């Protein structure tokens, strides 16, 4: 059913190509970022959810 709807719209194939290209750019960009990121930064981000320090500024608890 959806194929028939998309086929009835003229010029819809260009949107499919644009979406595929954007997806590829984002995927390759994320891959390059992950491979070129500094290991100490990645280790710090990996451990961040596990840190159990409390913020010293408690002004939001007034």
N, C-alpha and C. Protein backbone atom coordinates (compact mmCIF):
# COMPACT_ATOMS: atom_id res chain seq x y z
N UNK A 1 0.83 -1.19 0.00
CA UNK A 1 0.00 0.00 0.00
C UNK A 1 0.87 1.26 0.00
N UNK A 2 1.88 1.29 0.87
CA UNK A 2 2.73 2.47 0.96
C UNK A 2 3.56 2.66 -0.31
N UNK A 3 3.92 1.56 -0.94
CA UNK A 3 4.68 1.67 -2.18
C UNK A 3 3.85 2.36 -3.25
N UNK A 4 2.55 2.05 -3.29
CA UNK A 4 1.68 2.69 -4.28
C UNK A 4 1.54 4.18 -4.00
N UNK A 5 1.48 4.55 -2.74
CA UNK A 5 1.36 5.96 -2.40
C UNK A 5 2.62 6.70 -2.80
N UNK A 6 3.78 6.13 -2.50
CA UNK A 6 5.03 6.78 -2.86
C UNK A 6 5.24 6.83 -4.37
N UNK A 7 4.77 5.82 -5.07
CA UNK A 7 4.90 5.83 -6.53
C UNK A 7 4.00 6.86 -7.18
N UNK A 8 2.89 7.18 -6.53
CA UNK A 8 1.97 8.15 -7.12
C UNK A 8 2.45 9.59 -6.96
N UNK A 9 3.40 9.82 -6.06
CA UNK A 9 3.93 11.16 -5.85
C UNK A 9 5.11 11.35 -6.78
N UNK A 10 5.01 12.35 -7.63
CA UNK A 10 6.11 12.61 -8.56
C UNK A 10 7.27 13.27 -7.81
N UNK A 11 8.46 12.82 -8.06
CA UNK A 11 9.64 13.39 -7.44
C UNK A 11 9.94 12.83 -6.06
N UNK A 12 9.22 11.79 -5.62
CA UNK A 12 9.44 11.24 -4.29
C UNK A 12 10.77 10.49 -4.20
N UNK A 13 11.26 10.02 -5.33
CA UNK A 13 12.51 9.25 -5.28
C UNK A 13 13.70 10.12 -4.87
N UNK A 14 13.64 11.40 -5.14
CA UNK A 14 14.75 12.28 -4.74
C UNK A 14 14.83 12.37 -3.22
N UNK A 15 13.70 12.34 -2.53
CA UNK A 15 13.71 12.38 -1.07
C UNK A 15 14.29 11.09 -0.49
N UNK A 16 14.06 9.99 -1.13
CA UNK A 16 14.63 8.72 -0.68
C UNK A 16 16.15 8.74 -0.85
N UNK A 17 16.62 9.29 -1.94
CA UNK A 17 18.07 9.37 -2.17
C UNK A 17 18.70 10.33 -1.17
N UNK A 18 18.06 11.48 -0.92
CA UNK A 18 18.58 12.45 0.04
C UNK A 18 18.62 11.84 1.44
N UNK A 19 17.59 11.12 1.83
CA UNK A 19 17.55 10.48 3.15
C UNK A 19 18.66 9.44 3.28
N UNK A 20 18.89 8.67 2.24
CA UNK A 20 19.96 7.67 2.27
C UNK A 20 21.34 8.32 2.37
N UNK A 21 21.54 9.40 1.65
CA UNK A 21 22.83 10.11 1.70
C UNK A 21 23.04 10.72 3.07
N UNK A 22 22.02 11.35 3.65
CA UNK A 22 22.14 11.93 4.99
C UNK A 22 22.43 10.85 6.03
N UNK A 23 21.76 9.72 5.93
CA UNK A 23 22.01 8.61 6.85
C UNK A 23 23.45 8.14 6.74
N UNK A 24 23.94 8.01 5.54
CA UNK A 24 25.32 7.58 5.33
C UNK A 24 26.33 8.57 5.89
N UNK A 25 26.07 9.86 5.70
CA UNK A 25 26.98 10.89 6.22
C UNK A 25 27.02 10.85 7.74
N UNK A 26 25.86 10.75 8.38
CA UNK A 26 25.81 10.69 9.84
C UNK A 26 26.49 9.43 10.35
N UNK A 27 26.26 8.31 9.72
CA UNK A 27 26.86 7.05 10.13
C UNK A 27 28.38 7.10 10.01
N UNK A 28 28.87 7.57 8.89
CA UNK A 28 30.32 7.66 8.69
C UNK A 28 30.92 8.69 9.65
N UNK A 29 30.22 9.81 9.88
CA UNK A 29 30.71 10.81 10.82
C UNK A 29 30.82 10.28 12.24
N UNK A 30 29.83 9.54 12.68
CA UNK A 30 29.87 8.94 14.02
C UNK A 30 30.99 7.91 14.12
N UNK A 31 31.19 7.15 13.06
CA UNK A 31 32.25 6.14 13.04
C UNK A 31 33.62 6.79 13.11
N UNK A 32 33.82 7.84 12.33
CA UNK A 32 35.10 8.55 12.34
C UNK A 32 35.34 9.20 13.70
N UNK A 33 34.30 9.79 14.27
CA UNK A 33 34.44 10.42 15.60
C UNK A 33 34.83 9.38 16.64
N UNK A 34 34.19 8.23 16.60
CA UNK A 34 34.49 7.18 17.59
C UNK A 34 35.91 6.64 17.43
N UNK A 35 36.39 6.56 16.22
CA UNK A 35 37.73 6.03 16.00
C UNK A 35 38.83 7.05 16.27
N UNK A 36 38.53 8.35 16.15
CA UNK A 36 39.57 9.36 16.32
C UNK A 36 39.51 10.06 17.67
N UNK A 37 38.54 9.74 18.50
CA UNK A 37 38.44 10.39 19.81
C UNK A 37 39.59 9.93 20.71
N UNK A 38 40.01 10.82 21.58
CA UNK A 38 41.10 10.49 22.51
C UNK A 38 40.62 9.41 23.49
N UNK A 39 41.50 8.51 23.81
CA UNK A 39 41.11 7.41 24.68
C UNK A 39 40.86 7.87 26.11
N UNK A 40 41.60 8.90 26.59
CA UNK A 40 41.34 9.38 27.95
C UNK A 40 39.97 10.06 28.04
N UNK A 41 39.57 10.75 26.98
CA UNK A 41 38.24 11.36 26.96
C UNK A 41 37.16 10.28 26.95
N UNK A 42 37.36 9.26 26.16
CA UNK A 42 36.38 8.17 26.09
C UNK A 42 36.30 7.43 27.42
N UNK A 43 37.43 7.23 28.07
CA UNK A 43 37.43 6.55 29.37
C UNK A 43 36.69 7.41 30.40
N UNK A 44 36.92 8.73 30.36
CA UNK A 44 36.23 9.62 31.29
C UNK A 44 34.72 9.60 31.06
N UNK A 45 34.30 9.60 29.81
CA UNK A 45 32.87 9.56 29.50
C UNK A 45 32.26 8.21 29.88
N UNK A 46 33.06 7.16 29.75
CA UNK A 46 32.57 5.82 30.10
C UNK A 46 32.32 5.71 31.60
N UNK A 47 33.18 6.31 32.40
CA UNK A 47 33.07 6.23 33.85
C UNK A 47 32.12 7.27 34.44
N UNK A 48 31.71 8.24 33.67
CA UNK A 48 30.89 9.34 34.18
C UNK A 48 29.60 8.88 34.88
N UNK A 49 28.83 7.96 34.34
CA UNK A 49 27.61 7.56 35.03
C UNK A 49 27.88 6.83 36.35
N UNK A 50 29.07 6.32 36.55
CA UNK A 50 29.38 5.54 37.74
C UNK A 50 29.94 6.39 38.88
N UNK A 51 30.30 7.63 38.60
CA UNK A 51 30.84 8.48 39.66
C UNK A 51 29.76 8.77 40.69
N UNK A 52 30.15 8.77 41.95
CA UNK A 52 29.15 8.96 43.01
C UNK A 52 29.47 10.19 43.85
N UNK A 53 29.94 11.25 43.23
CA UNK A 53 30.19 12.46 44.00
C UNK A 53 28.94 13.35 43.97
N UNK A 54 28.71 14.04 45.04
CA UNK A 54 27.55 14.92 45.12
C UNK A 54 28.04 16.34 44.84
N UNK A 55 27.23 17.14 44.17
CA UNK A 55 27.64 18.51 43.90
C UNK A 55 27.76 19.30 45.20
N UNK A 56 28.80 20.13 45.28
CA UNK A 56 29.03 20.90 46.50
C UNK A 56 28.07 22.06 46.62
N UNK A 57 27.54 22.52 45.51
CA UNK A 57 26.59 23.64 45.53
C UNK A 57 25.17 23.10 45.66
N UNK A 58 24.57 23.36 46.79
CA UNK A 58 23.21 22.85 47.02
C UNK A 58 22.20 24.00 46.98
N UNK A 59 22.45 24.99 46.16
CA UNK A 59 21.55 26.14 46.10
C UNK A 59 20.20 25.79 45.48
N UNK A 60 20.13 24.72 44.74
CA UNK A 60 18.85 24.34 44.14
C UNK A 60 17.93 23.65 45.13
N UNK A 61 18.41 23.33 46.34
CA UNK A 61 17.60 22.65 47.33
C UNK A 61 17.04 23.60 48.38
N UNK A 62 16.92 24.86 48.09
CA UNK A 62 16.43 25.83 49.06
C UNK A 62 14.94 25.74 49.22
